[in-house]
Amino acid sequence: MTRQPTAPRRRTVNTSAGAVERNGINPVPDAERHGTPASLFWPWAASNLSLAGVAFGVYLMGLGLGWWQAVAAGAIGYVLSFALVGLVSVAGARTGAPTMAISRLSFGLHGNKLPTLFSYVSNVGWETVLVTLSSLGGAAILARVAPGAFAERGGEGSPTTTAVALCFAVTAAVVVVVGVYGHALIMKVQKYLTAAIAVMTVAYMVLMADRVDLSTAGGAPGDAGVFVGGVVFAMTLLGLGWVNCGADYSRYLPRDASARGIAGWTTLGGVLAPLVLLVFGALLTSGDPRLAAAAAADPVGALAAELPTWFLVPYLLTAVGGFVSGAIMDIYSSGMSLLTLGVPIRRHLAVLVDGALMTLGGWYLLFVSQSFLATFQAFLSIVGVTMAAWVAVFLVEQWRRRAAGYDLTAVRPVGWPAVVSLAAATALGLGLITSADPHLARGVGFLLTESAARGTLGAMNIGVVVALLVAGALYAALSTLDGRRRGAAASTTSEGAL
């Protein structure tokens, strides 16, 4: 009897939520791909469904916009910026690789270290901001719940340093632990967090509804420059902080997953909840203009000031849960960026490095910075410029490869067209933004006169949009010229060989 050959055994990989993820920046094998584009709704919804979304509406009103202008600016900025995240996510399913590893196709193996460093700083900065927001709000609420233990004497209920440090330590520990376990646990945790936070957020809005005065919702409209500045601010608040992470969460989808579905579900998940919260935050500010000033120092504490005491603990859990959701995704992606930089370390250990940097950044925001909002806005603008320039290059490259596909093994050392485009657009963009944080203001706004920086042009922070447009146009032109030059050189070499 002839023995029939046996089929090769398929390698089984533990991809359960209880196991530490073993894939790093390598492409995820097809055998480990699963799910549908609709699954992307949950992580993006959870990471952006936080009470910070209410504060963002307060911030936009604080720029000097009327209610309808703040809502319109937020809607435009949110949709435009998160649509970019959706487009980036398509490349994750096609390659199985994380975002910044795919970026090597345009920037090259070594040239890609420049945008990856920007990406790393962006992720660590965002996770620091989110954990800091959680700490500020949590400490303020603890000071009200247990004033004898957590409030300063004679400080009108202001929280003690111990309360702030305690909240920061607990939140940071949760973020690091989930980040260490990786993709499977993140996707599972985010699904449950979305449902829980949504219920508690609705309860918060119901309790605060009587503070909304629709008769004041019109407000005095700001000028066109301030409106453009509001759109740019909204873009940096949401999508431009996530563009360098899009493919990290779509890479486990099947290779042939619908591009339209990936982009659509990512955008819907990222925009839906923040837009509802932004509208509510703008309405709250219309009814109480003092809220904008209070939220500049402690957004979460300011939003809890009028809550009944019995709801403070649920409010704290809601606030912390929302910030933790976003910080978890940031710390996971920052670990991917660290690996892409070439640091010889395992993915789960890279998360621990990020956690240490997050702690240092949190110390600056909590105990050194004189104004959280000023530092936050400056960080958003600077990161927004660099990420806008990078994503323009990334998407132009994705468009160029729409027919040929992605070959991550065919990467040159340095993609000079991409590097030059990123550097030029970033420098131009940084020269056209302003900063209210004196420590961060020295490196920006150098293309603006003093009067322009203080006027409408400075308020617009137009450098973010300029960086996006210039980088995309410049890379399209330079990459086309480079392709022709390389094609001509190859043709000459071939003719010489004949």
Protein backbone atom coordinates (compact mmCIF):
# COMPACT_ATOMS: atom_id res chain seq x y z
CA MET A 1 0.00 0.00 0.00
CA THR A 2 1.34 3.38 -0.94
CA ARG A 3 1.49 5.77 1.96
CA GLN A 4 -0.26 9.06 1.25
CA PRO A 5 1.73 12.20 2.02
CA THR A 6 0.50 14.09 5.04
CA ALA A 7 -0.36 17.76 4.86
CA PRO A 8 2.08 20.06 6.61
CA ARG A 9 1.01 20.93 10.12
CA ARG A 10 -0.19 24.49 10.52
CA ARG A 11 1.67 26.44 13.12
CA THR A 12 -0.67 27.33 15.96
CA VAL A 13 -0.16 30.63 17.71
CA ASN A 14 -1.77 31.69 20.95
CA THR A 15 -3.56 34.92 20.09
CA SER A 16 -5.87 34.94 23.11
CA ALA A 17 -6.30 38.05 25.22
CA GLY A 18 -4.58 36.32 28.16
CA ALA A 19 -1.32 35.74 26.30
CA VAL A 20 1.43 38.27 25.68
CA GLU A 21 1.56 39.17 21.99
CA ARG A 22 4.69 37.83 20.29
CA ASN A 23 4.46 39.65 16.97
CA GLY A 24 6.59 42.75 16.80
CA ILE A 25 7.00 44.85 13.67
CA ASN A 26 7.08 41.75 11.49
CA PRO A 27 4.13 41.28 9.08
CA VAL A 28 1.41 39.23 10.75
CA PRO A 29 1.20 35.81 9.01
CA ASP A 30 -2.02 35.15 7.07
CA ALA A 31 -2.81 32.21 9.39
CA GLU A 32 -3.17 34.67 12.28
CA ARG A 33 -5.40 37.14 10.41
CA HIS A 34 -9.04 37.30 11.44
CA GLY A 35 -11.99 39.64 11.97
CA THR A 36 -13.87 42.14 9.85
CA PRO A 37 -13.46 45.89 9.26
CA ALA A 38 -16.39 46.52 11.61
CA SER A 39 -14.21 45.31 14.52
CA LEU A 40 -12.16 48.49 14.13
CA PHE A 41 -15.07 50.56 15.41
CA TRP A 42 -14.53 49.43 19.02
CA PRO A 43 -10.90 50.36 19.69
CA TRP A 44 -11.28 53.75 18.02
CA ALA A 45 -14.57 54.46 19.76
CA ALA A 46 -13.18 53.51 23.18
CA SER A 47 -9.96 55.49 22.74
CA ASN A 48 -11.89 58.67 21.89
CA LEU A 49 -14.95 58.19 24.11
CA SER A 50 -13.75 60.11 27.13
CA LEU A 51 -14.91 63.15 29.03
CA ALA A 52 -11.98 64.96 27.46
CA GLY A 53 -14.29 65.21 24.47
CA VAL A 54 -16.51 67.53 26.52
CA ALA A 55 -13.44 69.56 27.49
CA PHE A 56 -12.49 69.85 23.82
CA GLY A 57 -15.80 71.60 23.17
CA VAL A 58 -14.98 73.93 26.07
CA TYR A 59 -11.54 74.62 24.60
CA LEU A 60 -12.94 75.49 21.17
CA MET A 61 -15.36 77.94 22.74
CA GLY A 62 -12.44 79.35 24.70
CA LEU A 63 -10.76 80.35 21.44
CA GLY A 64 -13.44 83.02 21.01
CA LEU A 65 -15.85 81.14 18.76
CA GLY A 66 -19.61 81.25 18.93
CA TRP A 67 -21.46 78.02 19.72
CA TRP A 68 -22.32 77.11 16.15
CA GLN A 69 -18.81 78.03 14.99
CA ALA A 70 -17.21 75.80 17.62
CA VAL A 71 -19.43 72.88 16.59
CA ALA A 72 -18.80 73.45 12.87
CA ALA A 73 -15.04 73.83 13.35
CA GLY A 74 -14.94 70.69 15.48
CA ALA A 75 -16.98 68.63 13.02
CA ILE A 76 -14.85 69.67 10.05
CA GLY A 77 -11.57 69.13 11.87
CA TYR A 78 -12.62 65.79 13.34
CA VAL A 79 -13.87 64.28 10.09
CA LEU A 80 -11.00 65.53 7.93
CA SER A 81 -8.32 64.38 10.34
CA PHE A 82 -9.77 60.98 11.20
CA ALA A 83 -10.43 60.21 7.55
CA LEU A 84 -6.63 60.28 7.25
CA VAL A 85 -6.41 57.65 10.00
CA GLY A 86 -8.88 55.50 8.07
CA LEU A 87 -6.82 55.72 4.88
CA VAL A 88 -3.63 54.83 6.74
CA SER A 89 -5.40 51.82 8.27
CA VAL A 90 -5.94 50.26 4.84
CA ALA A 91 -2.20 49.69 4.51
CA GLY A 92 -2.20 47.66 7.74
CA ALA A 93 -4.51 45.00 6.33
CA ARG A 94 -2.64 44.89 3.02
CA THR A 95 0.80 44.36 4.60
CA GLY A 96 0.18 42.96 8.08
CA ALA A 97 2.77 45.43 9.37
CA PRO A 98 2.49 48.34 11.83
CA THR A 99 2.27 51.88 10.52
CA MET A 100 5.82 53.09 10.96
CA ALA A 101 7.27 49.88 9.49
CA ILE A 102 5.18 50.47 6.34
CA SER A 103 6.55 54.01 6.28
CA ARG A 104 9.92 52.53 5.24
CA LEU A 105 8.54 52.08 1.73
CA SER A 106 8.79 55.82 1.11
CA PHE A 107 11.47 56.95 3.59
CA GLY A 108 13.82 53.98 3.35
CA LEU A 109 15.23 51.77 6.09
CA HIS A 110 17.40 54.46 7.67
CA GLY A 111 15.59 57.55 6.42
CA ASN A 112 12.44 56.31 8.15
CA LYS A 113 14.07 56.80 11.55
CA LEU A 114 13.33 60.54 11.32
CA PRO A 115 9.51 60.28 11.08
CA THR A 116 9.52 57.29 13.43
CA LEU A 117 11.22 59.40 16.07
CA PHE A 118 8.51 62.04 15.59
CA SER A 119 5.91 59.29 15.88
CA TYR A 120 7.45 57.99 19.08
CA VAL A 121 7.47 61.44 20.66
CA SER A 122 3.85 61.96 19.59
CA ASN A 123 2.66 58.69 21.12
CA VAL A 124 4.57 59.13 24.38
CA GLY A 125 3.34 62.72 24.57
CA TRP A 126 -0.28 61.74 24.06
CA GLU A 127 -0.20 58.90 26.56
CA THR A 128 1.37 61.33 29.05
CA VAL A 129 -1.36 63.91 28.43
CA LEU A 130 -4.14 61.35 28.87
CA VAL A 131 -2.74 59.88 32.07
CA THR A 132 -2.12 63.40 33.40
CA LEU A 133 -5.71 64.42 32.67
CA SER A 134 -6.87 61.35 34.55
CA SER A 135 -4.64 62.23 37.50
CA LEU A 136 -5.82 65.83 37.70
CA GLY A 137 -9.47 64.89 37.56
CA GLY A 138 -9.14 61.94 39.89
CA ALA A 139 -7.28 63.98 42.49
CA ALA A 140 -9.85 66.80 42.34
CA ILE A 141 -12.67 64.33 42.89
CA LEU A 142 -10.85 62.56 45.75
CA ALA A 143 -10.41 65.95 47.40
CA ARG A 144 -14.21 66.38 47.38
CA VAL A 145 -15.03 62.83 48.44
CA ALA A 146 -12.43 62.65 51.25
CA PRO A 147 -11.30 66.22 51.99
CA GLY A 148 -9.62 65.25 55.25
CA ALA A 149 -7.18 62.94 53.47
CA PHE A 150 -6.80 64.39 49.98
CA ALA A 151 -7.51 68.15 50.17
CA GLU A 152 -5.08 70.92 51.11
CA ARG A 153 -5.93 72.74 54.33
CA GLY A 154 -7.05 76.26 53.57
CA GLY A 155 -6.76 75.53 49.87
CA GLU A 156 -10.48 75.64 49.18
CA GLY A 157 -10.57 71.92 48.54
CA SER A 158 -7.60 71.76 46.14
CA PRO A 159 -6.10 68.26 46.01
CA THR A 160 -2.84 67.37 47.71
CA THR A 161 0.29 66.36 45.82
CA THR A 162 -0.18 62.88 47.29
CA ALA A 163 -3.64 62.60 45.71
CA VAL A 164 -2.33 63.64 42.30
CA ALA A 165 0.64 61.26 42.51
CA LEU A 166 -1.58 58.37 43.65
CA CYS A 167 -4.00 58.81 40.75
CA PHE A 168 -1.12 59.09 38.28
CA ALA A 169 0.56 55.91 39.59
CA VAL A 170 -2.61 53.81 39.44
CA THR A 171 -3.58 54.96 35.96
CA ALA A 172 -0.07 54.57 34.57
CA ALA A 173 0.20 51.04 35.98
CA VAL A 174 -3.04 49.92 34.30
CA VAL A 175 -1.97 51.41 30.97
CA VAL A 176 1.43 49.70 31.06
CA VAL A 177 0.04 46.27 32.02
CA VAL A 178 -2.53 46.18 29.21
CA GLY A 179 0.06 47.54 26.75
CA VAL A 180 2.46 44.73 27.66
CA TYR A 181 -0.13 42.04 26.81
CA GLY A 182 -0.72 43.63 23.42
CA HIS A 183 -3.18 43.54 20.54
CA ALA A 184 -5.61 40.77 21.53
CA LEU A 185 -6.20 42.08 25.05
CA ILE A 186 -6.44 45.67 23.79
CA MET A 187 -9.16 44.78 21.27
CA LYS A 188 -11.12 42.90 23.94
CA VAL A 189 -10.73 45.53 26.67
CA GLN A 190 -11.68 48.36 24.34
CA LYS A 191 -14.95 46.69 23.35
CA TYR A 192 -16.13 46.45 26.95
CA LEU A 193 -14.81 49.88 27.86
CA THR A 194 -16.78 51.41 24.99
CA ALA A 195 -20.07 50.08 26.35
CA ALA A 196 -19.33 50.94 29.98
CA ILE A 197 -18.03 54.44 29.31
CA ALA A 198 -20.91 55.20 26.94
CA VAL A 199 -23.49 54.39 29.64
CA MET A 200 -21.72 56.50 32.27
CA THR A 201 -21.17 59.37 29.86
CA VAL A 202 -24.87 59.49 29.04
CA ALA A 203 -25.61 59.55 32.78
CA TYR A 204 -23.19 62.47 33.17
CA MET A 205 -24.87 64.39 30.36
CA VAL A 206 -28.32 63.82 31.89
CA LEU A 207 -27.14 65.12 35.28
CA MET A 208 -25.53 68.19 33.70
CA ALA A 209 -28.37 68.91 31.26
CA ASP A 210 -29.91 71.59 33.48
CA ARG A 211 -26.66 73.60 33.19
CA VAL A 212 -27.26 73.99 29.46
CA ASP A 213 -28.91 77.27 28.48
CA LEU A 214 -30.02 77.06 24.86
CA SER A 215 -30.94 80.74 24.85
CA THR A 216 -27.23 81.61 25.04
CA ALA A 217 -26.14 79.03 22.47
CA GLY A 218 -25.76 81.58 19.68
CA GLY A 219 -22.90 83.52 21.20
CA ALA A 220 -20.83 86.22 19.59
CA PRO A 221 -19.19 84.77 16.47
CA GLY A 222 -15.42 84.92 16.09
CA ASP A 223 -13.72 86.11 12.92
CA ALA A 224 -12.75 83.87 10.00
CA GLY A 225 -9.17 83.51 11.21
CA VAL A 226 -10.24 82.22 14.60
CA PHE A 227 -12.63 79.78 12.90
CA VAL A 228 -9.80 78.37 10.75
CA GLY A 229 -7.73 78.14 13.90
CA GLY A 230 -10.57 76.17 15.48
CA VAL A 231 -10.63 73.70 12.57
CA VAL A 232 -6.86 73.21 12.82
CA PHE A 233 -7.08 72.84 16.60
CA ALA A 234 -9.80 70.20 16.19
CA MET A 235 -7.63 68.33 13.68
CA THR A 236 -4.73 68.23 16.15
CA LEU A 237 -7.06 67.26 19.01
CA LEU A 238 -8.25 64.14 17.25
CA GLY A 239 -7.09 62.57 13.98
CA LEU A 240 -3.59 64.01 13.64
CA GLY A 241 -2.74 62.48 16.98
CA TRP A 242 -3.65 59.02 15.64
CA VAL A 243 -2.48 58.99 11.99
CA ASN A 244 0.77 57.24 12.90
CA CYS A 245 -1.15 54.41 14.61
CA GLY A 246 -3.83 53.50 12.06
CA ALA A 247 -2.27 50.35 10.62
CA ASP A 248 -1.28 49.02 14.06
CA TYR A 249 -4.86 47.92 14.70
CA SER A 250 -5.89 46.81 11.21
CA ARG A 251 -2.84 44.58 10.60
CA TYR A 252 -4.60 41.51 12.00
CA LEU A 253 -7.44 41.77 9.48
CA PRO A 254 -7.42 39.46 6.43
CA ARG A 255 -5.34 40.76 3.55
CA ASP A 256 -8.38 41.14 1.28
CA ALA A 257 -10.54 43.05 3.77
CA SER A 258 -12.55 45.86 2.19
CA ALA A 259 -10.58 49.11 1.97
CA ARG A 260 -13.80 51.13 2.10
CA GLY A 261 -14.93 49.20 5.18
CA ILE A 262 -11.59 49.69 6.95
CA ALA A 263 -11.51 53.43 6.30
CA GLY A 264 -15.21 53.87 7.04
CA TRP A 265 -15.40 51.98 10.33
CA THR A 266 -12.18 53.56 11.57
CA THR A 267 -13.45 57.06 10.82
CA LEU A 268 -16.90 56.40 12.30
CA GLY A 269 -15.46 54.92 15.48
CA GLY A 270 -13.05 57.81 15.92
CA VAL A 271 -15.47 60.67 15.19
CA LEU A 272 -18.96 59.70 16.39
CA ALA A 273 -18.60 59.96 20.17
CA PRO A 274 -16.15 62.90 20.25
CA LEU A 275 -18.48 64.97 18.08
CA VAL A 276 -21.47 64.37 20.38
CA LEU A 277 -19.34 65.26 23.42
CA LEU A 278 -17.95 68.35 21.70
CA VAL A 279 -21.47 69.67 21.07
CA PHE A 280 -22.36 69.10 24.72
CA GLY A 281 -19.17 70.81 25.92
CA ALA A 282 -19.85 73.83 23.74
CA LEU A 283 -23.40 74.05 25.11
CA LEU A 284 -22.13 73.89 28.69
CA THR A 285 -19.72 76.74 28.00
CA SER A 286 -22.47 78.85 26.45
CA GLY A 287 -24.42 78.51 29.69
CA ASP A 288 -21.38 79.15 31.91
CA PRO A 289 -18.58 81.14 30.20
CA ARG A 290 -16.39 80.75 33.33
CA LEU A 291 -16.07 77.05 32.55
CA ALA A 292 -13.47 77.72 29.81
CA ALA A 293 -11.10 79.41 32.26
CA ALA A 294 -11.53 76.66 34.87
CA ALA A 295 -11.02 73.88 32.30
CA ALA A 296 -7.73 75.44 31.20
CA ALA A 297 -6.17 74.38 34.52
CA ASP A 298 -8.03 71.12 35.21
CA PRO A 299 -10.59 70.08 32.56
CA VAL A 300 -11.87 66.98 34.30
CA GLY A 301 -12.14 68.64 37.72
CA ALA A 302 -13.91 71.65 36.20
CA LEU A 303 -16.48 69.44 34.50
CA ALA A 304 -17.18 67.71 37.83
CA ALA A 305 -17.56 70.88 39.90
CA GLU A 306 -21.37 70.94 39.67
CA LEU A 307 -21.97 67.20 40.00
CA PRO A 308 -23.74 65.75 43.05
CA THR A 309 -21.36 64.03 45.45
CA TRP A 310 -22.96 60.60 45.02
CA PHE A 311 -22.00 60.57 41.32
CA LEU A 312 -18.35 61.55 41.82
CA VAL A 313 -17.00 58.01 42.07
CA PRO A 314 -18.84 56.82 38.93
CA TYR A 315 -17.67 60.01 37.22
CA LEU A 316 -14.09 59.29 38.26
CA LEU A 317 -14.31 55.76 36.87
CA THR A 318 -15.75 57.11 33.62
CA ALA A 319 -13.05 59.75 33.25
CA VAL A 320 -10.24 57.35 34.10
CA GLY A 321 -11.64 54.64 31.81
CA GLY A 322 -11.79 56.99 28.84
CA PHE A 323 -8.27 58.29 29.31
CA VAL A 324 -6.92 54.80 29.93
CA SER A 325 -8.46 53.59 26.65
CA GLY A 326 -6.59 56.20 24.64
CA ALA A 327 -3.36 55.83 26.58
CA ILE A 328 -3.37 52.04 26.09
CA MET A 329 -3.43 52.43 22.32
CA ASP A 330 -0.74 55.10 22.45
CA ILE A 331 1.63 53.05 24.57
CA TYR A 332 1.15 50.02 22.29
CA SER A 333 1.92 52.07 19.20
CA SER A 334 4.84 53.87 20.81
CA GLY A 335 6.35 50.46 21.50
CA MET A 336 6.01 49.65 17.80
CA SER A 337 7.74 52.91 16.91
CA LEU A 338 10.61 52.12 19.29
CA LEU A 339 11.11 48.74 17.60
CA THR A 340 10.98 50.38 14.16
CA LEU A 341 13.78 52.71 15.25
CA GLY A 342 15.94 49.60 15.53
CA VAL A 343 16.17 49.39 19.32
CA PRO A 344 17.08 45.73 20.07
CA ILE A 345 14.32 44.98 22.55
CA ARG A 346 11.20 42.81 22.66
CA ARG A 347 7.84 44.49 22.12
CA HIS A 348 6.54 44.02 25.66
CA LEU A 349 9.77 45.39 27.12
CA ALA A 350 9.55 48.41 24.83
CA VAL A 351 6.24 49.21 26.53
CA LEU A 352 8.05 49.40 29.88
CA VAL A 353 10.50 51.94 28.43
CA ASP A 354 7.58 54.02 27.21
CA GLY A 355 6.00 53.83 30.66
CA ALA A 356 9.14 55.30 32.23
CA LEU A 357 9.14 58.21 29.75
CA MET A 358 5.43 58.73 30.34
CA THR A 359 6.15 59.11 34.05
CA LEU A 360 8.78 61.78 33.40
CA GLY A 361 6.44 63.68 31.07
CA GLY A 362 3.63 63.47 33.60
CA TRP A 363 5.91 64.94 36.26
CA TYR A 364 6.55 67.96 34.01
CA LEU A 365 2.87 68.54 33.25
CA LEU A 366 1.75 68.07 36.85
CA PHE A 367 4.49 69.83 38.79
CA VAL A 368 6.51 72.07 36.41
CA SER A 369 4.22 73.44 33.71
CA GLN A 370 2.46 76.66 34.76
CA SER A 371 -0.53 76.05 32.47
CA PHE A 372 -1.71 72.63 31.35
CA LEU A 373 -3.74 74.08 28.48
CA ALA A 374 -0.87 76.23 27.15
CA THR A 375 1.52 73.28 27.16
CA PHE A 376 -1.15 70.99 25.70
CA GLN A 377 -1.94 73.37 22.82
CA ALA A 378 1.75 73.86 22.05
CA PHE A 379 2.33 70.10 22.03
CA LEU A 380 -0.66 69.57 19.75
CA SER A 381 0.52 72.18 17.24
CA ILE A 382 4.12 70.95 17.08
CA VAL A 383 3.15 67.29 16.79
CA GLY A 384 0.35 68.22 14.39
CA VAL A 385 2.80 69.84 11.98
CA THR A 386 5.16 66.87 11.88
CA MET A 387 2.42 64.25 11.68
CA ALA A 388 0.55 66.20 8.99
CA ALA A 389 3.69 66.32 6.85
CA TRP A 390 4.40 62.63 7.43
CA VAL A 391 0.89 61.39 6.66
CA ALA A 392 0.84 63.34 3.40
CA VAL A 393 3.97 61.51 2.26
CA PHE A 394 2.60 58.17 3.49
CA LEU A 395 -0.70 58.53 1.62
CA VAL A 396 0.93 59.71 -1.61
CA GLU A 397 3.12 56.59 -1.50
CA GLN A 398 0.06 54.45 -0.78
CA TRP A 399 -1.65 55.95 -3.84
CA ARG A 400 1.40 55.27 -6.02
CA ARG A 401 1.40 51.60 -4.94
CA ARG A 402 -2.35 51.02 -5.33
CA ALA A 403 -1.76 48.76 -8.34
CA ALA A 404 1.73 47.36 -7.72
CA GLY A 405 1.09 46.47 -4.08
CA TYR A 406 3.43 46.55 -1.10
CA ASP A 407 6.77 44.77 -0.94
CA LEU A 408 8.31 45.48 2.46
CA THR A 409 11.47 43.59 1.53
CA ALA A 410 12.29 45.97 -1.33
CA VAL A 411 13.30 48.97 0.77
CA ARG A 412 16.26 51.20 -0.04
CA PRO A 413 18.50 52.69 2.66
CA VAL A 414 17.22 56.28 2.36
CA GLY A 415 14.25 57.58 0.40
CA TRP A 416 15.53 61.09 -0.18
CA PRO A 417 12.37 62.48 -1.83
CA ALA A 418 10.38 61.57 1.30
CA VAL A 419 13.01 62.82 3.74
CA VAL A 420 13.41 66.14 1.93
CA SER A 421 9.65 66.61 1.67
CA LEU A 422 9.13 65.89 5.37
CA ALA A 423 11.96 68.15 6.50
CA ALA A 424 10.98 71.09 4.27
CA ALA A 425 7.26 70.91 5.07
CA THR A 426 7.89 70.51 8.81
CA ALA A 427 10.25 73.48 8.94
CA LEU A 428 7.77 75.62 7.03
CA GLY A 429 4.88 74.51 9.22
CA LEU A 430 6.71 75.12 12.50
CA GLY A 431 7.54 78.62 11.33
CA LEU A 432 3.83 79.40 10.97
CA ILE A 433 2.48 78.26 14.35
CA THR A 434 2.54 79.92 17.76
CA SER A 435 2.84 78.67 21.34
CA ALA A 436 1.63 80.08 24.66
CA ASP A 437 4.07 77.88 26.59
CA PRO A 438 7.30 79.89 27.00
CA HIS A 439 9.40 76.73 27.14
CA LEU A 440 8.10 75.53 23.76
CA ALA A 441 7.65 78.90 22.03
CA ARG A 442 11.31 79.39 21.13
CA GLY A 443 11.37 76.88 18.30
CA VAL A 444 8.18 77.93 16.50
CA GLY A 445 6.72 80.98 14.78
CA PHE A 446 10.03 82.10 13.31
CA LEU A 447 8.38 82.96 9.98
CA LEU A 448 5.84 85.25 11.62
CA THR A 449 6.37 88.88 12.54
CA GLU A 450 5.51 89.83 16.09
CA SER A 451 2.31 91.55 15.00
CA ALA A 452 1.30 88.59 12.84
CA ALA A 453 1.93 86.14 15.68
CA ARG A 454 -0.36 88.14 17.96
CA GLY A 455 -3.03 88.62 15.30
CA THR A 456 -5.32 86.52 13.15
CA LEU A 457 -2.54 84.63 11.37
CA GLY A 458 -1.06 83.49 14.66
CA ALA A 459 -4.48 82.38 15.93
CA MET A 460 -5.01 80.23 12.83
CA ASN A 461 -1.93 78.03 13.42
CA ILE A 462 -2.11 77.51 9.68
CA GLY A 463 1.28 75.79 9.70
CA VAL A 464 -0.43 72.42 10.27
CA VAL A 465 -2.42 72.64 7.04
CA VAL A 466 0.53 74.14 5.14
CA ALA A 467 2.74 71.22 6.21
CA LEU A 468 0.12 68.71 5.01
CA LEU A 469 -0.31 70.30 1.58
CA VAL A 470 3.35 71.14 0.94
CA ALA A 471 4.63 67.70 1.96
CA GLY A 472 2.12 65.91 -0.26
CA ALA A 473 2.72 68.09 -3.32
CA LEU A 474 6.49 68.12 -2.89
CA TYR A 475 6.73 64.35 -2.43
CA ALA A 476 4.50 63.68 -5.44
CA ALA A 477 6.81 65.81 -7.58
CA LEU A 478 10.13 64.58 -6.17
CA SER A 479 9.16 60.91 -6.19
CA THR A 480 8.05 61.18 -9.83
CA LEU A 481 11.36 62.77 -10.81
CA ASP A 482 13.29 60.19 -8.78
CA GLY A 483 11.37 57.36 -10.44
CA ARG A 484 12.21 58.68 -13.89
CA ARG A 485 15.87 59.12 -12.95
CA ARG A 486 16.12 55.60 -11.53
CA GLY A 487 14.32 54.22 -14.58
CA ALA A 488 16.71 56.00 -16.94
CA ALA A 489 19.72 54.77 -14.95
CA ALA A 490 18.43 51.20 -15.09
CA SER A 491 17.86 51.48 -18.83
CA THR A 492 21.38 52.81 -19.38
CA THR A 493 22.85 49.99 -17.33
CA SER A 494 20.84 47.44 -19.29
CA GLU A 495 21.97 48.85 -22.64
CA GLY A 496 25.59 48.86 -21.47
CA ALA A 497 25.34 45.21 -20.54
CA LEU A 498 24.11 44.37 -24.02
